[in-house]
C-alpha atoms as a PDB file:
ATOM      1  CA  UNK A   1     -50.001 -25.286 -71.608  1.00  0.00           C
ATOM      2  CA  UNK A   2     -51.616 -28.650 -71.142  1.00  0.00           C
ATOM      3  CA  UNK A   3     -49.311 -31.144 -69.503  1.00  0.00           C
ATOM      4  CA  UNK A   4     -48.521 -29.016 -66.480  1.00  0.00           C
ATOM      5  CA  UNK A   5     -49.568 -30.511 -63.135  1.00  0.00           C
ATOM      6  CA  UNK A   6     -48.913 -27.903 -60.467  1.00  0.00           C
ATOM      7  CA  UNK A   7     -48.729 -27.827 -56.701  1.00  0.00           C
ATOM      8  CA  UNK A   8     -50.098 -24.461 -55.553  1.00  0.00           C
ATOM      9  CA  UNK A   9     -48.827 -23.359 -52.134  1.00  0.00           C
ATOM     10  CA  UNK A  10     -50.599 -20.014 -51.721  1.00  0.00           C
ATOM     11  CA  UNK A  11     -52.902 -19.349 -48.728  1.00  0.00           C
ATOM     12  CA  UNK A  12     -56.185 -21.201 -49.067  1.00  0.00           C
ATOM     13  CA  UNK A  13     -58.428 -18.471 -50.526  1.00  0.00           C
ATOM     14  CA  UNK A  14     -55.824 -17.273 -53.039  1.00  0.00           C
ATOM     15  CA  UNK A  15     -54.959 -20.858 -53.964  1.00  0.00           C
ATOM     16  CA  UNK A  16     -58.595 -21.641 -54.693  1.00  0.00           C
ATOM     17  CA  UNK A  17     -58.934 -18.624 -57.003  1.00  0.00           C
ATOM     18  CA  UNK A  18     -55.738 -19.521 -58.842  1.00  0.00           C
ATOM     19  CA  UNK A  19     -56.923 -23.117 -59.195  1.00  0.00           C
ATOM     20  CA  UNK A  20     -60.097 -21.935 -60.913  1.00  0.00           C
ATOM     21  CA  UNK A  21     -58.116 -19.895 -63.432  1.00  0.00           C
ATOM     22  CA  UNK A  22     -55.732 -22.752 -64.132  1.00  0.00           C
ATOM     23  CA  UNK A  23     -58.593 -25.207 -64.551  1.00  0.00           C
ATOM     24  CA  UNK A  24     -60.173 -22.894 -67.137  1.00  0.00           C
ATOM     25  CA  UNK A  25     -56.860 -23.035 -69.022  1.00  0.00           C
ATOM     26  CA  UNK A  26     -56.842 -26.836 -68.936  1.00  0.00           C
ATOM     27  CA  UNK A  27     -54.065 -26.989 -66.331  1.00  0.00           C
ATOM     28  CA  UNK A  28     -54.285 -29.451 -63.467  1.00  0.00           C
ATOM     29  CA  UNK A  29     -53.444 -28.053 -60.039  1.00  0.00           C
ATOM     30  CA  UNK A  30     -53.513 -29.215 -56.454  1.00  0.00           C
ATOM     31  CA  UNK A  31     -53.575 -26.854 -53.473  1.00  0.00           C
ATOM     32  CA  UNK A  32     -51.463 -27.376 -50.366  1.00  0.00           C
ATOM     33  CA  UNK A  33     -51.303 -24.007 -48.558  1.00  0.00           C
ATOM     34  CA  UNK A  34     -47.916 -23.608 -46.908  1.00  0.00           C
ATOM     35  CA  UNK A  35     -48.750 -20.275 -45.291  1.00  0.00           C
ATOM     36  CA  UNK A  36     -51.965 -19.425 -43.486  1.00  0.00           C
ATOM     37  CA  UNK A  37     -52.988 -15.878 -42.528  1.00  0.00           C
ATOM     38  CA  UNK A  38     -54.057 -14.705 -39.072  1.00  0.00           C
ATOM     39  CA  UNK A  39     -55.085 -11.095 -38.426  1.00  0.00           C
ATOM     40  CA  UNK A  40     -53.256  -9.453 -35.531  1.00  0.00           C
ATOM     41  CA  UNK A  41     -55.022  -7.405 -32.850  1.00  0.00           C
ATOM     42  CA  UNK A  42     -54.606  -3.668 -33.194  1.00  0.00           C
ATOM     43  CA  UNK A  43     -52.271  -2.009 -30.706  1.00  0.00           C
ATOM     44  CA  UNK A  44     -52.678   1.539 -29.332  1.00  0.00           C
ATOM     45  CA  UNK A  45     -49.498   2.529 -31.190  1.00  0.00           C
ATOM     46  CA  UNK A  46     -50.908   1.281 -34.503  1.00  0.00           C
ATOM     47  CA  UNK A  47     -54.183   3.106 -33.898  1.00  0.00           C
ATOM     48  CA  UNK A  48     -52.263   6.335 -33.321  1.00  0.00           C
ATOM     49  CA  UNK A  49     -50.359   5.905 -36.600  1.00  0.00           C
ATOM     50  CA  UNK A  50     -53.548   5.301 -38.567  1.00  0.00           C
ATOM     51  CA  UNK A  51     -55.330   8.255 -36.965  1.00  0.00           C
ATOM     52  CA  UNK A  52     -52.412  10.377 -38.204  1.00  0.00           C
ATOM     53  CA  UNK A  53     -52.577   8.918 -41.715  1.00  0.00           C
ATOM     54  CA  UNK A  54     -52.592  12.369 -43.294  1.00  0.00           C
ATOM     55  CA  UNK A  55     -49.009  12.918 -42.028  1.00  0.00           C
ATOM     56  CA  UNK A  56     -47.695  10.522 -44.685  1.00  0.00           C
ATOM     57  CA  UNK A  57     -46.939  11.508 -48.262  1.00  0.00           C
ATOM     58  CA  UNK A  58     -47.126   7.851 -49.313  1.00  0.00           C
ATOM     59  CA  UNK A  59     -48.624   4.612 -48.020  1.00  0.00           C
ATOM     60  CA  UNK A  60     -47.058   1.337 -49.176  1.00  0.00           C
ATOM     61  CA  UNK A  61     -49.025  -1.930 -49.012  1.00  0.00           C
ATOM     62  CA  UNK A  62     -46.947  -5.084 -49.411  1.00  0.00           C
ATOM     63  CA  UNK A  63     -49.557  -7.835 -49.959  1.00  0.00           C
ATOM     64  CA  UNK A  64     -53.198  -8.648 -50.584  1.00  0.00           C
ATOM     65  CA  UNK A  65     -53.861  -9.539 -46.904  1.00  0.00           C
ATOM     66  CA  UNK A  66     -52.325  -6.209 -45.905  1.00  0.00           C
ATOM     67  CA  UNK A  67     -54.568  -4.434 -48.414  1.00  0.00           C
ATOM     68  CA  UNK A  68     -57.758  -6.102 -47.209  1.00  0.00           C
ATOM     69  CA  UNK A  69     -57.022  -5.659 -43.515  1.00  0.00           C
ATOM     70  CA  UNK A  70     -55.669  -2.155 -44.036  1.00  0.00           C
ATOM     71  CA  UNK A  71     -58.833  -1.054 -45.833  1.00  0.00           C
ATOM     72  CA  UNK A  72     -60.893  -2.330 -42.904  1.00  0.00           C
ATOM     73  CA  UNK A  73     -58.920   0.002 -40.630  1.00  0.00           C
ATOM     74  CA  UNK A  74     -59.211   2.830 -43.158  1.00  0.00           C
ATOM     75  CA  UNK A  75     -63.003   2.453 -43.134  1.00  0.00           C
ATOM     76  CA  UNK A  76     -62.948   2.680 -39.352  1.00  0.00           C
ATOM     77  CA  UNK A  77     -60.865   5.832 -39.028  1.00  0.00           C
ATOM     78  CA  UNK A  78     -61.004   7.622 -42.377  1.00  0.00           C
ATOM     79  CA  UNK A  79     -64.399   7.505 -44.133  1.00  0.00           C
ATOM     80  CA  UNK A  80     -62.794   9.942 -46.590  1.00  0.00           C
ATOM     81  CA  UNK A  81     -59.076   9.107 -47.214  1.00  0.00           C
ATOM     82  CA  UNK A  82     -56.613  12.013 -47.016  1.00  0.00           C
ATOM     83  CA  UNK A  83     -56.707  14.145 -50.159  1.00  0.00           C
ATOM     84  CA  UNK A  84     -53.728  13.900 -52.513  1.00  0.00           C
ATOM     85  CA  UNK A  85     -52.058  10.999 -50.738  1.00  0.00           C
ATOM     86  CA  UNK A  86     -50.278   8.466 -52.981  1.00  0.00           C
ATOM     87  CA  UNK A  87     -50.609   4.738 -52.345  1.00  0.00           C
ATOM     88  CA  UNK A  88     -48.199   2.111 -53.634  1.00  0.00           C
ATOM     89  CA  UNK A  89     -48.176  -1.672 -53.821  1.00  0.00           C
ATOM     90  CA  UNK A  90     -45.505  -4.214 -54.651  1.00  0.00           C
ATOM     91  CA  UNK A  91     -47.697  -6.012 -57.207  1.00  0.00           C
ATOM     92  CA  UNK A  92     -50.710  -5.551 -59.441  1.00  0.00           C
ATOM     93  CA  UNK A  93     -53.059  -7.867 -57.521  1.00  0.00           C
ATOM     94  CA  UNK A  94     -52.594  -5.858 -54.330  1.00  0.00           C
ATOM     95  CA  UNK A  95     -52.761  -2.586 -56.229  1.00  0.00           C
ATOM     96  CA  UNK A  96     -56.068  -3.456 -57.863  1.00  0.00           C
ATOM     97  CA  UNK A  97     -57.652  -4.019 -54.433  1.00  0.00           C
ATOM     98  CA  UNK A  98     -56.586  -0.512 -53.400  1.00  0.00           C
ATOM     99  CA  UNK A  99     -57.556   1.092 -56.693  1.00  0.00           C
ATOM    100  CA  UNK A 100     -61.011  -0.518 -56.646  1.00  0.00           C
ATOM    101  CA  UNK A 101     -61.487   1.082 -53.227  1.00  0.00           C
ATOM    102  CA  UNK A 102     -60.835   4.443 -54.870  1.00  0.00           C
ATOM    103  CA  UNK A 103     -57.250   5.096 -53.788  1.00  0.00           C
ATOM    104  CA  UNK A 104     -54.663   6.703 -56.082  1.00  0.00           C
ATOM    105  CA  UNK A 105     -52.399   3.660 -56.402  1.00  0.00           C
ATOM    106  CA  UNK A 106     -49.233   2.862 -58.372  1.00  0.00           C
ATOM    107  CA  UNK A 107     -47.249  -0.349 -58.700  1.00  0.00           C
ATOM    108  CA  UNK A 108     -44.313  -1.562 -60.794  1.00  0.00           C
ATOM    109  CA  UNK A 109     -45.015  -3.289 -64.106  1.00  0.00           C
ATOM    110  CA  UNK A 110     -42.970  -6.335 -65.029  1.00  0.00           C
ATOM    111  CA  UNK A 111     -41.764  -7.254 -61.543  1.00  0.00           C
ATOM    112  CA  UNK A 112     -43.314  -7.758 -58.104  1.00  0.00           C
ATOM    113  CA  UNK A 113     -40.556  -6.882 -55.659  1.00  0.00           C
ATOM    114  CA  UNK A 114     -39.214  -4.095 -53.465  1.00  0.00           C
ATOM    115  CA  UNK A 115     -36.438  -3.243 -55.890  1.00  0.00           C
ATOM    116  CA  UNK A 116     -38.914  -2.532 -58.694  1.00  0.00           C
ATOM    117  CA  UNK A 117     -41.108  -0.462 -56.373  1.00  0.00           C
ATOM    118  CA  UNK A 118     -38.135   1.636 -55.261  1.00  0.00           C
ATOM    119  CA  UNK A 119     -37.390   2.408 -58.924  1.00  0.00           C
ATOM    120  CA  UNK A 120     -40.845   3.884 -59.624  1.00  0.00           C
ATOM    121  CA  UNK A 121     -40.697   7.552 -60.707  1.00  0.00           C
ATOM    122  CA  UNK A 122     -44.064   8.078 -58.994  1.00  0.00           C
ATOM    123  CA  UNK A 123     -42.516   7.104 -55.667  1.00  0.00           C
ATOM    124  CA  UNK A 124     -39.709   9.607 -56.161  1.00  0.00           C
ATOM    125  CA  UNK A 125     -42.313  12.267 -56.908  1.00  0.00           C
ATOM    126  CA  UNK A 126     -44.280  11.462 -53.761  1.00  0.00           C
ATOM    127  CA  UNK A 127     -41.124  11.657 -51.645  1.00  0.00           C
ATOM    128  CA  UNK A 128     -39.962  14.953 -53.155  1.00  0.00           C
ATOM    129  CA  UNK A 129     -40.686  17.116 -50.107  1.00  0.00           C
ATOM    130  CA  UNK A 130     -38.615  18.495 -47.233  1.00  0.00           C
ATOM    131  CA  UNK A 131     -39.499  15.840 -44.642  1.00  0.00           C
ATOM    132  CA  UNK A 132     -41.069  12.846 -46.419  1.00  0.00           C
ATOM    133  CA  UNK A 133     -42.891  10.295 -44.280  1.00  0.00           C
ATOM    134  CA  UNK A 134     -44.028   6.855 -45.444  1.00  0.00           C
ATOM    135  CA  UNK A 135     -46.355   4.344 -43.795  1.00  0.00           C
ATOM    136  CA  UNK A 136     -45.980   0.649 -44.656  1.00  0.00           C
ATOM    137  CA  UNK A 137     -48.872  -1.795 -44.174  1.00  0.00           C
ATOM    138  CA  UNK A 138     -47.449  -5.288 -43.975  1.00  0.00           C
ATOM    139  CA  UNK A 139     -47.363  -8.642 -42.234  1.00  0.00           C
ATOM    140  CA  UNK A 140     -45.395  -9.507 -39.128  1.00  0.00           C
ATOM    141  CA  UNK A 141     -41.712 -10.217 -39.763  1.00  0.00           C
ATOM    142  CA  UNK A 142     -40.563 -10.597 -43.338  1.00  0.00           C
ATOM    143  CA  UNK A 143     -38.130  -8.586 -45.386  1.00  0.00           C
ATOM    144  CA  UNK A 144     -37.149  -5.030 -44.297  1.00  0.00           C
ATOM    145  CA  UNK A 145     -35.189  -4.069 -47.432  1.00  0.00           C
ATOM    146  CA  UNK A 146     -37.722  -1.490 -48.624  1.00  0.00           C
ATOM    147  CA  UNK A 147     -37.982   0.329 -45.291  1.00  0.00           C
ATOM    148  CA  UNK A 148     -34.227   0.204 -44.708  1.00  0.00           C
ATOM    149  CA  UNK A 149     -33.542   1.672 -48.156  1.00  0.00           C
ATOM    150  CA  UNK A 150     -35.977   4.535 -47.620  1.00  0.00           C
ATOM    151  CA  UNK A 151     -34.483   5.332 -44.222  1.00  0.00           C
ATOM    152  CA  UNK A 152     -31.029   5.411 -45.783  1.00  0.00           C
ATOM    153  CA  UNK A 153     -32.410   8.081 -48.146  1.00  0.00           C
ATOM    154  CA  UNK A 154     -33.562  10.205 -45.230  1.00  0.00           C
ATOM    155  CA  UNK A 155     -37.235   9.184 -45.285  1.00  0.00           C
ATOM    156  CA  UNK A 156     -39.117   8.716 -42.014  1.00  0.00           C
ATOM    157  CA  UNK A 157     -40.770   5.287 -42.134  1.00  0.00           C
ATOM    158  CA  UNK A 158     -43.425   3.762 -39.881  1.00  0.00           C
ATOM    159  CA  UNK A 159     -44.895   0.275 -40.207  1.00  0.00           C
ATOM    160  CA  UNK A 160     -48.120  -1.369 -39.132  1.00  0.00           C
ATOM    161  CA  UNK A 161     -48.121  -5.186 -38.880  1.00  0.00           C
ATOM    162  CA  UNK A 162     -51.663  -6.296 -39.699  1.00  0.00           C
ATOM    163  CA  UNK A 163     -51.286 -10.072 -39.792  1.00  0.00           C
ATOM    164  CA  UNK A 164     -48.953 -12.965 -39.298  1.00  0.00           C
ATOM    165  CA  UNK A 165     -48.231 -15.938 -41.513  1.00  0.00           C
ATOM    166  CA  UNK A 166     -47.830 -19.426 -40.101  1.00  0.00           C
ATOM    167  CA  UNK A 167     -47.254 -22.880 -41.528  1.00  0.00           C
ATOM    168  CA  UNK A 168     -50.266 -25.201 -41.126  1.00  0.00           C
ATOM    169  CA  UNK A 169     -49.672 -28.368 -39.149  1.00  0.00           C
ATOM    170  CA  UNK A 170     -49.228 -31.044 -41.827  1.00  0.00           C
ATOM    171  CA  UNK A 171     -48.120 -34.639 -41.506  1.00  0.00           C
ATOM    172  CA  UNK A 172     -44.405 -34.845 -42.420  1.00  0.00           C
ATOM    173  CA  UNK A 173     -45.196 -36.858 -45.565  1.00  0.00           C
ATOM    174  CA  UNK A 174     -48.114 -34.679 -46.758  1.00  0.00           C
ATOM    175  CA  UNK A 175     -46.087 -32.880 -49.406  1.00  0.00           C
ATOM    176  CA  UNK A 176     -44.388 -35.881 -50.982  1.00  0.00           C
ATOM    177  CA  UNK A 177     -47.582 -37.945 -50.897  1.00  0.00           C
ATOM    178  CA  UNK A 178     -49.502 -35.205 -52.698  1.00  0.00           C
ATOM    179  CA  UNK A 179     -46.853 -34.834 -55.386  1.00  0.00           C
ATOM    180  CA  UNK A 180     -46.610 -38.576 -55.990  1.00  0.00           C
ATOM    181  CA  UNK A 181     -50.323 -39.414 -55.836  1.00  0.00           C
ATOM    182  CA  UNK A 182     -51.274 -36.674 -58.329  1.00  0.00           C
ATOM    183  CA  UNK A 183     -48.136 -37.034 -60.488  1.00  0.00           C
ATOM    184  CA  UNK A 184     -47.337 -33.342 -60.143  1.00  0.00           C
ATOM    185  CA  UNK A 185     -44.452 -31.989 -62.187  1.00  0.00           C
ATOM    186  CA  UNK A 186     -44.023 -28.448 -60.828  1.00  0.00           C
ATOM    187  CA  UNK A 187     -44.188 -26.466 -57.588  1.00  0.00           C
ATOM    188  CA  UNK A 188     -45.363 -22.853 -57.271  1.00  0.00           C
ATOM    189  CA  UNK A 189     -44.331 -20.543 -54.409  1.00  0.00           C
ATOM    190  CA  UNK A 190     -45.206 -16.853 -54.113  1.00  0.00           C
ATOM    191  CA  UNK A 191     -42.709 -15.616 -51.509  1.00  0.00           C
ATOM    192  CA  UNK A 192     -39.454 -16.342 -49.746  1.00  0.00           C
ATOM    193  CA  UNK A 193     -41.406 -17.431 -46.681  1.00  0.00           C
ATOM    194  CA  UNK A 194     -43.395 -19.875 -48.777  1.00  0.00           C
ATOM    195  CA  UNK A 195     -40.190 -21.279 -50.237  1.00  0.00           C
ATOM    196  CA  UNK A 196     -38.738 -21.787 -46.772  1.00  0.00           C
ATOM    197  CA  UNK A 197     -41.910 -23.570 -45.635  1.00  0.00           C
ATOM    198  CA  UNK A 198     -41.738 -25.801 -48.729  1.00  0.00           C
ATOM    199  CA  UNK A 199     -38.152 -26.753 -47.970  1.00  0.00           C
ATOM    200  CA  UNK A 200     -38.911 -27.543 -44.321  1.00  0.00           C
ATOM    201  CA  UNK A 201     -41.944 -29.696 -45.151  1.00  0.00           C
ATOM    202  CA  UNK A 202     -39.992 -31.549 -47.860  1.00  0.00           C
ATOM    203  CA  UNK A 203     -37.451 -32.707 -45.267  1.00  0.00           C
ATOM    204  CA  UNK A 204     -35.328 -35.609 -46.482  1.00  0.00           C
ATOM    205  CA  UNK A 205     -37.378 -35.844 -49.685  1.00  0.00           C
ATOM    206  CA  UNK A 206     -35.971 -32.547 -50.958  1.00  0.00           C
ATOM    207  CA  UNK A 207     -33.249 -34.495 -52.766  1.00  0.00           C
ATOM    208  CA  UNK A 208     -35.785 -35.486 -55.436  1.00  0.00           C
ATOM    209  CA  UNK A 209     -38.422 -32.741 -55.060  1.00  0.00           C
ATOM    210  CA  UNK A 210     -35.725 -30.196 -55.953  1.00  0.00           C
ATOM    211  CA  UNK A 211     -35.611 -31.716 -59.443  1.00  0.00           C
ATOM    212  CA  UNK A 212     -39.186 -30.578 -60.185  1.00  0.00           C
ATOM    213  CA  UNK A 213     -39.762 -27.261 -61.948  1.00  0.00           C
ATOM    214  CA  UNK A 214     -40.075 -24.567 -59.284  1.00  0.00           C
ATOM    215  CA  UNK A 215     -41.933 -21.357 -60.225  1.00  0.00           C
ATOM    216  CA  UNK A 216     -40.954 -18.374 -58.040  1.00  0.00           C
ATOM    217  CA  UNK A 217     -42.032 -14.701 -58.066  1.00  0.00           C
ATOM    218  CA  UNK A 218     -38.768 -12.745 -58.219  1.00  0.00           C
ATOM    219  CA  UNK A 219     -35.005 -12.847 -58.776  1.00  0.00           C
ATOM    220  CA  UNK A 220     -34.460 -12.696 -55.014  1.00  0.00           C
ATOM    221  CA  UNK A 221     -36.574 -15.797 -54.358  1.00  0.00           C
ATOM    222  CA  UNK A 222     -35.000 -17.509 -57.383  1.00  0.00           C
ATOM    223  CA  UNK A 223     -31.571 -16.975 -55.836  1.00  0.00           C
ATOM    224  CA  UNK A 224     -32.793 -18.363 -52.499  1.00  0.00           C
ATOM    225  CA  UNK A 225     -34.117 -21.443 -54.323  1.00  0.00           C
ATOM    226  CA  UNK A 226     -30.776 -21.997 -56.052  1.00  0.00           C
ATOM    227  CA  UNK A 227     -29.003 -21.667 -52.715  1.00  0.00           C
ATOM    228  CA  UNK A 228     -31.254 -24.520 -51.569  1.00  0.00           C
ATOM    229  CA  UNK A 229     -29.975 -26.466 -54.598  1.00  0.00           C
ATOM    230  CA  UNK A 230     -33.255 -26.421 -56.522  1.00  0.00           C
ATOM    231  CA  UNK A 231     -32.347 -27.528 -60.027  1.00  0.00           C
ATOM    232  CA  UNK A 232     -35.112 -26.117 -62.259  1.00  0.00           C
ATOM    233  CA  UNK A 233     -36.016 -22.636 -61.060  1.00  0.00           C
ATOM    234  CA  UNK A 234     -38.236 -20.381 -63.187  1.00  0.00           C
ATOM    235  CA  UNK A 235     -38.516 -16.703 -62.218  1.00  0.00           C
ATOM    236  CA  UNK A 236     -42.044 -15.525 -63.117  1.00  0.00           C
ATOM    237  CA  UNK A 237     -41.085 -11.875 -62.506  1.00  0.00           C
ATOM    238  CA  UNK A 238     -44.246 -11.456 -60.500  1.00  0.00           C
ATOM    239  CA  UNK A 239     -46.371 -13.214 -57.909  1.00  0.00           C
ATOM    240  CA  UNK A 240     -49.684 -12.740 -59.721  1.00  0.00           C
ATOM    241  CA  UNK A 241     -51.696 -15.127 -61.866  1.00  0.00           C
ATOM    242  CA  UNK A 242     -50.827 -13.345 -65.117  1.00  0.00           C
ATOM    243  CA  UNK A 243     -47.110 -13.704 -64.441  1.00  0.00           C
ATOM    244  CA  UNK A 244     -47.475 -17.409 -63.659  1.00  0.00           C
ATOM    245  CA  UNK A 245     -49.501 -18.072 -66.809  1.00  0.00           C
ATOM    246  CA  UNK A 246     -46.879 -16.323 -68.927  1.00  0.00           C
ATOM    247  CA  UNK A 247     -44.121 -18.398 -67.326  1.00  0.00           C
ATOM    248  CA  UNK A 248     -46.080 -21.594 -67.945  1.00  0.00           C
ATOM    249  CA  UNK A 249     -46.451 -20.686 -71.625  1.00  0.00           C
ATOM    250  CA  UNK A 250     -42.735 -19.976 -71.965  1.00  0.00           C
ATOM    251  CA  UNK A 251     -41.431 -23.027 -70.099  1.00  0.00           C
ATOM    252  CA  UNK A 252     -41.313 -26.477 -71.714  1.00  0.00           C
ATOM    253  CA  UNK A 253     -43.347 -29.120 -69.886  1.00  0.00           C
ATOM    254  CA  UNK A 254     -41.027 -31.768 -68.431  1.00  0.00           C
ATOM    255  CA  UNK A 255     -41.098 -35.174 -70.043  1.00  0.00           C
ATOM    256  CA  UNK A 256     -43.228 -37.528 -67.988  1.00  0.00           C
END
């Protein structure tokens, strides 16, 4: 895999961890976080939902920040989590955080997206009751496909927004200068929001940045990238480090 020179756009802490793994594999990377995380204050309505956690047959956690912040709230209100409750995550990295805490957690294998989560037999089993209720721990805004699909199936869905993402205030040329100065040959994004932030920061330089290899986490984000006229999109079928490493192994390094 030597020869890859990657721009990592994950939030700072996650980008640093990924950089360490890549470095151990002999892969050069440079971190330019395009989304930062800010915890949101708890509202009385959210507190009421969490105090009634045992009403839900399933809890769905959409990201690592949601897992970490959600577990802080769980510690506060439920020293002993409700017995028999199933927890679900979109990806393995988030799921491992929950499982290490001691929660009965499932996630899809081979894809990190809402569609794969909705196809899990374990989710169907958890929802197989007269009046199923699901709680989603998530960030502010973002995609509502999962919740909308469950509601269409007759499931009662509540959501708790634990954090917001925002784009750091970079100089307009920060992205292109980083790519050129370090001779980077690929860009890595981990969400649709991250892709949008990348496109905005690229500005008028997108006409040549779009020619770089662009690693994305899912078919949905791959389609968004192609709609933006990215020319070399690679779907990693997951947002985690393992999925990225597999995609790097399977993708030819561009000629320098």
